[in-house]
Amino acid sequence: RITETRWFVRKHDEVARSTWSRKSVGSAANCAA
């Protein structure tokens, strides 16, 4: 998973975990959201 790379984690460190679970986002893998 791209979302498991250090690069991804570092680039998204300011995104709250709750953001990923929003219905409008779905998960960290939904880049287009």
PDB file of all heavy atoms in Angstrom:
ATOM      1  N   ARG A   1       0.834  -1.201   0.000  1.00  0.00           N
ATOM      2  CA  ARG A   1       0.000   0.000   0.000  1.00  0.00           C
ATOM      3  C   ARG A   1       0.869   1.250   0.000  1.00  0.00           C
ATOM      4  O   ARG A   1       1.774   1.373   0.816  1.00  0.00           O
ATOM      5  CB  ARG A   1      -0.910   0.013   1.224  1.00  0.00           C
ATOM      6  CG  ARG A   1      -1.877  -1.141   1.282  1.00  0.00           C
ATOM      7  CD  ARG A   1      -2.664  -1.115   2.589  1.00  0.00           C
ATOM      8  NE  ARG A   1      -3.506  -2.274   2.730  1.00  0.00           N
ATOM      9  CZ  ARG A   1      -4.754  -2.369   2.270  1.00  0.00           C
ATOM     10  NH1 ARG A   1      -5.297  -1.343   1.644  1.00  0.00           N
ATOM     11  NH2 ARG A   1      -5.448  -3.474   2.437  1.00  0.00           N
ATOM     12  N   ILE A   2       0.551   2.160  -0.889  1.00  0.00           N
ATOM     13  CA  ILE A   2       1.259   3.446  -0.926  1.00  0.00           C
ATOM     14  C   ILE A   2       1.112   4.145   0.414  1.00  0.00           C
ATOM     15  O   ILE A   2       2.037   4.775   0.901  1.00  0.00           O
ATOM     16  CB  ILE A   2       0.718   4.314  -2.088  1.00  0.00           C
ATOM     17  CG1 ILE A   2       1.065   3.647  -3.418  1.00  0.00           C
ATOM     18  CG2 ILE A   2       1.247   5.737  -2.018  1.00  0.00           C
ATOM     19  CD1 ILE A   2       0.306   4.189  -4.608  1.00  0.00           C
ATOM     20  N   THR A   3      -0.050   3.968   1.028  1.00  0.00           N
ATOM     21  CA  THR A   3      -0.326   4.622   2.307  1.00  0.00           C
ATOM     22  C   THR A   3       0.561   4.109   3.437  1.00  0.00           C
ATOM     23  O   THR A   3       0.602   4.706   4.508  1.00  0.00           O
ATOM     24  CB  THR A   3      -1.804   4.447   2.703  1.00  0.00           C
ATOM     25  OG1 THR A   3      -2.113   3.049   2.758  1.00  0.00           O
ATOM     26  CG2 THR A   3      -2.717   5.151   1.703  1.00  0.00           C
ATOM     27  N   GLU A   4       1.294   3.014   3.216  1.00  0.00           N
ATOM     28  CA  GLU A   4       2.191   2.459   4.226  1.00  0.00           C
ATOM     29  C   GLU A   4       3.624   2.950   4.087  1.00  0.00           C
ATOM     30  O   GLU A   4       4.468   2.633   4.913  1.00  0.00           O
ATOM     31  CB  GLU A   4       2.183   0.932   4.151  1.00  0.00           C
ATOM     32  CG  GLU A   4       0.857   0.315   4.526  1.00  0.00           C
ATOM     33  CD  GLU A   4       0.815  -1.187   4.292  1.00  0.00           C
ATOM     34  OE1 GLU A   4       1.733  -1.737   3.633  1.00  0.00           O
ATOM     35  OE2 GLU A   4      -0.139  -1.815   4.766  1.00  0.00           O
ATOM     36  N   THR A   5       3.906   3.722   3.058  1.00  0.00           N
ATOM     37  CA  THR A   5       5.275   4.203   2.873  1.00  0.00           C
ATOM     38  C   THR A   5       5.552   5.390   3.793  1.00  0.00           C
ATOM     39  O   THR A   5       4.649   6.158   4.129  1.00  0.00           O
ATOM     40  CB  THR A   5       5.532   4.632   1.412  1.00  0.00           C
ATOM     41  OG1 THR A   5       4.696   5.751   1.092  1.00  0.00           O
ATOM     42  CG2 THR A   5       5.275   3.487   0.432  1.00  0.00           C
ATOM     43  N   ARG A   6       6.793   5.508   4.198  1.00  0.00           N
ATOM     44  CA  ARG A   6       7.189   6.646   5.057  1.00  0.00           C
ATOM     45  C   ARG A   6       6.890   7.963   4.363  1.00  0.00           C
ATOM     46  O   ARG A   6       6.495   8.927   4.987  1.00  0.00           O
ATOM     47  CB  ARG A   6       8.672   6.565   5.408  1.00  0.00           C
ATOM     48  CG  ARG A   6       8.994   5.486   6.376  1.00  0.00           C
ATOM     49  CD  ARG A   6      10.460   5.502   6.723  1.00  0.00           C
ATOM     50  NE  ARG A   6      10.778   4.353   7.543  1.00  0.00           N
ATOM     51  CZ  ARG A   6      11.960   4.090   7.998  1.00  0.00           C
ATOM     52  NH1 ARG A   6      12.970   4.870   7.712  1.00  0.00           N
ATOM     53  NH2 ARG A   6      12.160   3.029   8.744  1.00  0.00           N
ATOM     54  N   TRP A   7       7.111   7.986   3.046  1.00  0.00           N
ATOM     55  CA  TRP A   7       6.857   9.210   2.281  1.00  0.00           C
ATOM     56  C   TRP A   7       5.401   9.630   2.422  1.00  0.00           C
ATOM     57  O   TRP A   7       5.109  10.785   2.724  1.00  0.00           O
ATOM     58  CB  TRP A   7       7.209   8.973   0.806  1.00  0.00           C
ATOM     59  CG  TRP A   7       6.777  10.088  -0.087  1.00  0.00           C
ATOM     60  CD1 TRP A   7       7.429  11.262  -0.318  1.00  0.00           C
ATOM     61  CD2 TRP A   7       5.566  10.154  -0.841  1.00  0.00           C
ATOM     62  NE1 TRP A   7       6.701  12.048  -1.180  1.00  0.00           N
ATOM     63  CE2 TRP A   7       5.550  11.382  -1.514  1.00  0.00           C
ATOM     64  CE3 TRP A   7       4.498   9.286  -1.011  1.00  0.00           C
ATOM     65  CZ2 TRP A   7       4.513  11.769  -2.350  1.00  0.00           C
ATOM     66  CZ3 TRP A   7       3.461   9.666  -1.843  1.00  0.00           C
ATOM     67  CH2 TRP A   7       3.484  10.890  -2.501  1.00  0.00           C
ATOM     68  N   PHE A   8       4.462   8.698   2.218  1.00  0.00           N
ATOM     69  CA  PHE A   8       3.043   9.019   2.313  1.00  0.00           C
ATOM     70  C   PHE A   8       2.692   9.497   3.720  1.00  0.00           C
ATOM     71  O   PHE A   8       2.017  10.512   3.896  1.00  0.00           O
ATOM     72  CB  PHE A   8       2.177   7.807   1.947  1.00  0.00           C
ATOM     73  CG  PHE A   8       0.704   8.098   2.009  1.00  0.00           C
ATOM     74  CD1 PHE A   8       0.027   8.520   0.891  1.00  0.00           C
ATOM     75  CD2 PHE A   8      -0.003   7.979   3.204  1.00  0.00           C
ATOM     76  CE1 PHE A   8      -1.334   8.815   0.948  1.00  0.00           C
ATOM     77  CE2 PHE A   8      -1.356   8.260   3.271  1.00  0.00           C
ATOM     78  CZ  PHE A   8      -2.020   8.682   2.144  1.00  0.00           C
ATOM     79  N   VAL A   9       3.141   8.764   4.711  1.00  0.00           N
ATOM     80  CA  VAL A   9       2.850   9.109   6.108  1.00  0.00           C
ATOM     81  C   VAL A   9       3.368  10.509   6.425  1.00  0.00           C
ATOM     82  O   VAL A   9       2.665  11.328   7.023  1.00  0.00           O
ATOM     83  CB  VAL A   9       3.438   8.059   7.070  1.00  0.00           C
ATOM     84  CG1 VAL A   9       3.326   8.503   8.515  1.00  0.00           C
ATOM     85  CG2 VAL A   9       2.748   6.712   6.856  1.00  0.00           C
ATOM     86  N   ARG A  10       4.584  10.817   5.999  1.00  0.00           N
ATOM     87  CA  ARG A  10       5.180  12.139   6.243  1.00  0.00           C
ATOM     88  C   ARG A  10       4.384  13.248   5.527  1.00  0.00           C
ATOM     89  O   ARG A  10       4.133  14.303   6.092  1.00  0.00           O
ATOM     90  CB  ARG A  10       6.639  12.130   5.792  1.00  0.00           C
ATOM     91  CG  ARG A  10       7.410  13.373   6.162  1.00  0.00           C
ATOM     92  CD  ARG A  10       8.896  13.273   5.797  1.00  0.00           C
ATOM     93  NE  ARG A  10       9.120  13.056   4.376  1.00  0.00           N
ATOM     94  CZ  ARG A  10       9.539  11.924   3.823  1.00  0.00           C
ATOM     95  NH1 ARG A  10       9.783  10.867   4.543  1.00  0.00           N
ATOM     96  NH2 ARG A  10       9.719  11.841   2.521  1.00  0.00           N
ATOM     97  N   LYS A  11       3.963  12.980   4.296  1.00  0.00           N
ATOM     98  CA  LYS A  11       3.233  13.993   3.521  1.00  0.00           C
ATOM     99  C   LYS A  11       1.817  14.222   4.060  1.00  0.00           C
ATOM    100  O   LYS A  11       1.219  15.259   3.796  1.00  0.00           O
ATOM    101  CB  LYS A  11       3.139  13.594   2.047  1.00  0.00           C
ATOM    102  CG  LYS A  11       4.462  13.582   1.321  1.00  0.00           C
ATOM    103  CD  LYS A  11       5.153  14.917   1.311  1.00  0.00           C
ATOM    104  CE  LYS A  11       4.683  15.787   0.211  1.00  0.00           C
ATOM    105  NZ  LYS A  11       5.340  17.077   0.140  1.00  0.00           N
ATOM    106  N   HIS A  12       1.284  13.264   4.815  1.00  0.00           N
ATOM    107  CA  HIS A  12      -0.085  13.365   5.310  1.00  0.00           C
ATOM    108  C   HIS A  12      -0.156  13.426   6.830  1.00  0.00           C
ATOM    109  O   HIS A  12      -1.221  13.204   7.400  1.00  0.00           O
ATOM    110  CB  HIS A  12      -0.912  12.185   4.790  1.00  0.00           C
ATOM    111  CG  HIS A  12      -1.052  12.199   3.295  1.00  0.00           C
ATOM    112  ND1 HIS A  12      -0.108  11.668   2.462  1.00  0.00           N
ATOM    113  CD2 HIS A  12      -2.018  12.718   2.495  1.00  0.00           C
ATOM    114  CE1 HIS A  12      -0.482  11.849   1.204  1.00  0.00           C
ATOM    115  NE2 HIS A  12      -1.644  12.485   1.193  1.00  0.00           N
ATOM    116  N   ASP A  13       0.955  13.754   7.477  1.00  0.00           N
ATOM    117  CA  ASP A  13       0.996  13.725   8.943  1.00  0.00           C
ATOM    118  C   ASP A  13       0.061  14.743   9.594  1.00  0.00           C
ATOM    119  O   ASP A  13      -0.345  14.558  10.732  1.00  0.00           O
ATOM    120  CB  ASP A  13       2.420  13.874   9.469  1.00  0.00           C
ATOM    121  CG  ASP A  13       3.059  15.214   9.125  1.00  0.00           C
ATOM    122  OD1 ASP A  13       2.499  15.978   8.310  1.00  0.00           O
ATOM    123  OD2 ASP A  13       4.144  15.497   9.666  1.00  0.00           O
ATOM    124  N   GLU A  14      -0.334  15.756   8.860  1.00  0.00           N
ATOM    125  CA  GLU A  14      -1.225  16.768   9.431  1.00  0.00           C
ATOM    126  C   GLU A  14      -2.709  16.436   9.236  1.00  0.00           C
ATOM    127  O   GLU A  14      -3.585  17.146   9.723  1.00  0.00           O
ATOM    128  CB  GLU A  14      -0.923  18.161   8.855  1.00  0.00           C
ATOM    129  CG  GLU A  14      -1.360  18.370   7.418  1.00  0.00           C
ATOM    130  CD  GLU A  14      -0.431  17.778   6.357  1.00  0.00           C
ATOM    131  OE1 GLU A  14       0.602  17.185   6.701  1.00  0.00           O
ATOM    132  OE2 GLU A  14      -0.759  17.916   5.170  1.00  0.00           O
ATOM    133  N   VAL A  15      -2.991  15.355   8.550  1.00  0.00           N
ATOM    134  CA  VAL A  15      -4.383  14.941   8.312  1.00  0.00           C
ATOM    135  C   VAL A  15      -4.850  14.089   9.492  1.00  0.00           C
ATOM    136  O   VAL A  15      -4.248  13.068   9.805  1.00  0.00           O
ATOM    137  CB  VAL A  15      -4.515  14.142   6.999  1.00  0.00           C
ATOM    138  CG1 VAL A  15      -5.954  13.707   6.775  1.00  0.00           C
ATOM    139  CG2 VAL A  15      -4.013  14.967   5.813  1.00  0.00           C
ATOM    140  N   ALA A  16      -5.910  14.529  10.124  1.00  0.00           N
ATOM    141  CA  ALA A  16      -6.448  13.807  11.277  1.00  0.00           C
ATOM    142  C   ALA A  16      -6.987  12.438  10.851  1.00  0.00           C
ATOM    143  O   ALA A  16      -7.562  12.305   9.765  1.00  0.00           O
ATOM    144  CB  ALA A  16      -7.571  14.617  11.924  1.00  0.00           C
ATOM    145  N   ARG A  17      -6.815  11.446  11.699  1.00  0.00           N
ATOM    146  CA  ARG A  17      -7.320  10.099  11.414  1.00  0.00           C
ATOM    147  C   ARG A  17      -8.820  10.118  11.111  1.00  0.00           C
ATOM    148  O   ARG A  17      -9.304   9.357  10.284  1.00  0.00           O
ATOM    149  CB  ARG A  17      -7.058   9.163  12.581  1.00  0.00           C
ATOM    150  CG  ARG A  17      -5.634   8.712  12.666  1.00  0.00           C
ATOM    151  CD  ARG A  17      -5.506   7.596  13.708  1.00  0.00           C
ATOM    152  NE  ARG A  17      -4.163   7.099  13.746  1.00  0.00           N
ATOM    153  CZ  ARG A  17      -3.763   6.016  13.099  1.00  0.00           C
ATOM    154  NH1 ARG A  17      -4.617   5.349  12.368  1.00  0.00           N
ATOM    155  NH2 ARG A  17      -2.521   5.619  13.185  1.00  0.00           N
ATOM    156  N   SER A  18      -9.541  10.979  11.770  1.00  0.00           N
ATOM    157  CA  SER A  18     -10.989  11.051  11.561  1.00  0.00           C
ATOM    158  C   SER A  18     -11.337  11.480  10.125  1.00  0.00           C
ATOM    159  O   SER A  18     -12.395  11.134   9.615  1.00  0.00           O
ATOM    160  CB  SER A  18     -11.627  12.006  12.569  1.00  0.00           C
ATOM    161  OG  SER A  18     -11.087  13.306  12.426  1.00  0.00           O
ATOM    162  N   THR A  19     -10.441  12.209   9.487  1.00  0.00           N
ATOM    163  CA  THR A  19     -10.666  12.643   8.103  1.00  0.00           C
ATOM    164  C   THR A  19     -10.766  11.438   7.173  1.00  0.00           C
ATOM    165  O   THR A  19     -11.621  11.387   6.291  1.00  0.00           O
ATOM    166  CB  THR A  19      -9.546  13.585   7.634  1.00  0.00           C
ATOM    167  OG1 THR A  19      -9.490  14.710   8.512  1.00  0.00           O
ATOM    168  CG2 THR A  19      -9.754  14.055   6.207  1.00  0.00           C
ATOM    169  N   TRP A  20      -9.892  10.449   7.378  1.00  0.00           N
ATOM    170  CA  TRP A  20      -9.872   9.276   6.505  1.00  0.00           C
ATOM    171  C   TRP A  20     -11.179   8.488   6.576  1.00  0.00           C
ATOM    172  O   TRP A  20     -11.564   7.847   5.600  1.00  0.00           O
ATOM    173  CB  TRP A  20      -8.725   8.331   6.860  1.00  0.00           C
ATOM    174  CG  TRP A  20      -7.357   8.943   6.834  1.00  0.00           C
ATOM    175  CD1 TRP A  20      -6.474   8.971   7.875  1.00  0.00           C
ATOM    176  CD2 TRP A  20      -6.687   9.598   5.755  1.00  0.00           C
ATOM    177  NE1 TRP A  20      -5.315   9.597   7.499  1.00  0.00           N
ATOM    178  CE2 TRP A  20      -5.419   9.997   6.197  1.00  0.00           C
ATOM    179  CE3 TRP A  20      -7.052   9.901   4.443  1.00  0.00           C
ATOM    180  CZ2 TRP A  20      -4.502  10.658   5.392  1.00  0.00           C
ATOM    181  CZ3 TRP A  20      -6.141  10.575   3.640  1.00  0.00           C
ATOM    182  CH2 TRP A  20      -4.886  10.944   4.108  1.00  0.00           C
ATOM    183  N   SER A  21     -11.842   8.532   7.721  1.00  0.00           N
ATOM    184  CA  SER A  21     -13.062   7.731   7.877  1.00  0.00           C
ATOM    185  C   SER A  21     -14.341   8.485   7.500  1.00  0.00           C
ATOM    186  O   SER A  21     -15.426   7.917   7.569  1.00  0.00           O
ATOM    187  CB  SER A  21     -13.156   7.200   9.309  1.00  0.00           C
ATOM    188  OG  SER A  21     -13.184   8.256  10.226  1.00  0.00           O
ATOM    189  N   ARG A  22     -14.204   9.721   7.080  1.00  0.00           N
ATOM    190  CA  ARG A  22     -15.396  10.447   6.616  1.00  0.00           C
ATOM    191  C   ARG A  22     -15.997   9.729   5.413  1.00  0.00           C
ATOM    192  O   ARG A  22     -15.273   9.227   4.557  1.00  0.00           O
ATOM    193  CB  ARG A  22     -15.032  11.875   6.187  1.00  0.00           C
ATOM    194  CG  ARG A  22     -14.660  12.779   7.306  1.00  0.00           C
ATOM    195  CD  ARG A  22     -14.311  14.151   6.783  1.00  0.00           C
ATOM    196  NE  ARG A  22     -13.749  14.956   7.846  1.00  0.00           N
ATOM    197  CZ  ARG A  22     -13.122  16.099   7.662  1.00  0.00           C
ATOM    198  NH1 ARG A  22     -12.978  16.600   6.442  1.00  0.00           N
ATOM    199  NH2 ARG A  22     -12.635  16.753   8.690  1.00  0.00           N
ATOM    200  N   LYS A  23     -17.306   9.728   5.335  1.00  0.00           N
ATOM    201  CA  LYS A  23     -17.983   9.090   4.205  1.00  0.00           C
ATOM    202  C   LYS A  23     -17.528   9.710   2.880  1.00  0.00           C
ATOM    203  O   LYS A  23     -17.384   9.014   1.876  1.00  0.00           O
ATOM    204  CB  LYS A  23     -19.501   9.227   4.367  1.00  0.00           C
ATOM    205  CG  LYS A  23     -20.284   8.444   3.361  1.00  0.00           C
ATOM    206  CD  LYS A  23     -21.774   8.521   3.619  1.00  0.00           C
ATOM    207  CE  LYS A  23     -22.518   7.706   2.583  1.00  0.00           C
ATOM    208  NZ  LYS A  23     -23.956   7.766   2.799  1.00  0.00           N
ATOM    209  N   SER A  24     -17.256  10.996   2.869  1.00  0.00           N
ATOM    210  CA  SER A  24     -16.839  11.700   1.657  1.00  0.00           C
ATOM    211  C   SER A  24     -15.404  11.383   1.240  1.00  0.00           C
ATOM    212  O   SER A  24     -15.006  11.670   0.121  1.00  0.00           O
ATOM    213  CB  SER A  24     -16.991  13.211   1.855  1.00  0.00           C
ATOM    214  OG  SER A  24     -16.239  13.622   2.987  1.00  0.00           O
ATOM    215  N   VAL A  25     -14.629  10.784   2.147  1.00  0.00           N
ATOM    216  CA  VAL A  25     -13.242  10.425   1.851  1.00  0.00           C
ATOM    217  C   VAL A  25     -13.113   8.909   1.716  1.00  0.00           C
ATOM    218  O   VAL A  25     -12.595   8.412   0.722  1.00  0.00           O
ATOM    219  CB  VAL A  25     -12.272  10.952   2.936  1.00  0.00           C
ATOM    220  CG1 VAL A  25     -10.848  10.493   2.679  1.00  0.00           C
ATOM    221  CG2 VAL A  25     -12.333  12.480   3.005  1.00  0.00           C
ATOM    222  N   GLY A  26     -13.577   8.178   2.702  1.00  0.00           N
ATOM    223  CA  GLY A  26     -13.569   6.718   2.642  1.00  0.00           C
ATOM    224  C   GLY A  26     -12.336   6.073   3.225  1.00  0.00           C
ATOM    225  O   GLY A  26     -12.425   5.210   4.060  1.00  0.00           O
ATOM    226  N   SER A  27     -11.159   6.485   2.765  1.00  0.00           N
ATOM    227  CA  SER A  27      -9.905   5.954   3.296  1.00  0.00           C
ATOM    228  C   SER A  27      -8.740   6.779   2.768  1.00  0.00           C
ATOM    229  O   SER A  27      -8.911   7.581   1.848  1.00  0.00           O
ATOM    230  CB  SER A  27      -9.713   4.487   2.904  1.00  0.00           C
ATOM    231  OG  SER A  27      -9.298   4.385   1.562  1.00  0.00           O
ATOM    232  N   ALA A  28      -7.577   6.526   3.322  1.00  0.00           N
ATOM    233  CA  ALA A  28      -6.366   7.227   2.873  1.00  0.00           C
ATOM    234  C   ALA A  28      -6.018   6.862   1.432  1.00  0.00           C
ATOM    235  O   ALA A  28      -5.319   7.603   0.752  1.00  0.00           O
ATOM    236  CB  ALA A  28      -5.204   6.889   3.798  1.00  0.00           C
ATOM    237  N   ALA A  29      -6.533   5.743   0.956  1.00  0.00           N
ATOM    238  CA  ALA A  29      -6.247   5.298  -0.409  1.00  0.00           C
ATOM    239  C   ALA A  29      -7.062   6.042  -1.466  1.00  0.00           C
ATOM    240  O   ALA A  29      -6.774   5.935  -2.656  1.00  0.00           O
ATOM    241  CB  ALA A  29      -6.501   3.801  -0.531  1.00  0.00           C
ATOM    242  N   ASN A  30      -8.052   6.802  -1.057  1.00  0.00           N
ATOM    243  CA  ASN A  30      -8.896   7.525  -2.007  1.00  0.00           C
ATOM    244  C   ASN A  30      -8.308   8.910  -2.280  1.00  0.00           C
ATOM    245  O   ASN A  30      -8.839   9.924  -1.854  1.00  0.00           O
ATOM    246  CB  ASN A  30     -10.325   7.639  -1.467  1.00  0.00           C
ATOM    247  CG  ASN A  30     -11.258   8.295  -2.460  1.00  0.00           C
ATOM    248  OD1 ASN A  30     -10.920   8.480  -3.622  1.00  0.00           O
ATOM    249  ND2 ASN A  30     -12.435   8.656  -1.995  1.00  0.00           N
ATOM    250  N   CYS A  31      -7.219   8.941  -3.013  1.00  0.00           N
ATOM    251  CA  CYS A  31      -6.493  10.185  -3.294  1.00  0.00           C
ATOM    252  C   CYS A  31      -7.397  11.267  -3.896  1.00  0.00           C
ATOM    253  O   CYS A  31      -7.293  12.442  -3.560  1.00  0.00           O
ATOM    254  CB  CYS A  31      -5.336   9.922  -4.252  1.00  0.00           C
ATOM    255  SG  CYS A  31      -4.203   8.660  -3.709  1.00  0.00           S
ATOM    256  N   ALA A  32      -8.279  10.846  -4.790  1.00  0.00           N
ATOM    257  CA  ALA A  32      -9.125  11.795  -5.510  1.00  0.00           C
ATOM    258  C   ALA A  32     -10.114  12.532  -4.615  1.00  0.00           C
ATOM    259  O   ALA A  32     -10.642  13.573  -5.008  1.00  0.00           O
ATOM    260  CB  ALA A  32      -9.869  11.088  -6.632  1.00  0.00           C
ATOM    261  N   ALA A  33     -10.349  12.020  -3.413  1.00  0.00           N
ATOM    262  CA  ALA A  33     -11.273  12.711  -2.509  1.00  0.00           C
ATOM    263  C   ALA A  33     -10.753  14.102  -2.158  1.00  0.00           C
ATOM    264  O   ALA A  33     -11.540  15.037  -2.036  1.00  0.00           O
ATOM    265  CB  ALA A  33     -11.476  11.895  -1.232  1.00  0.00           C
TER     266      ALA A  33
END
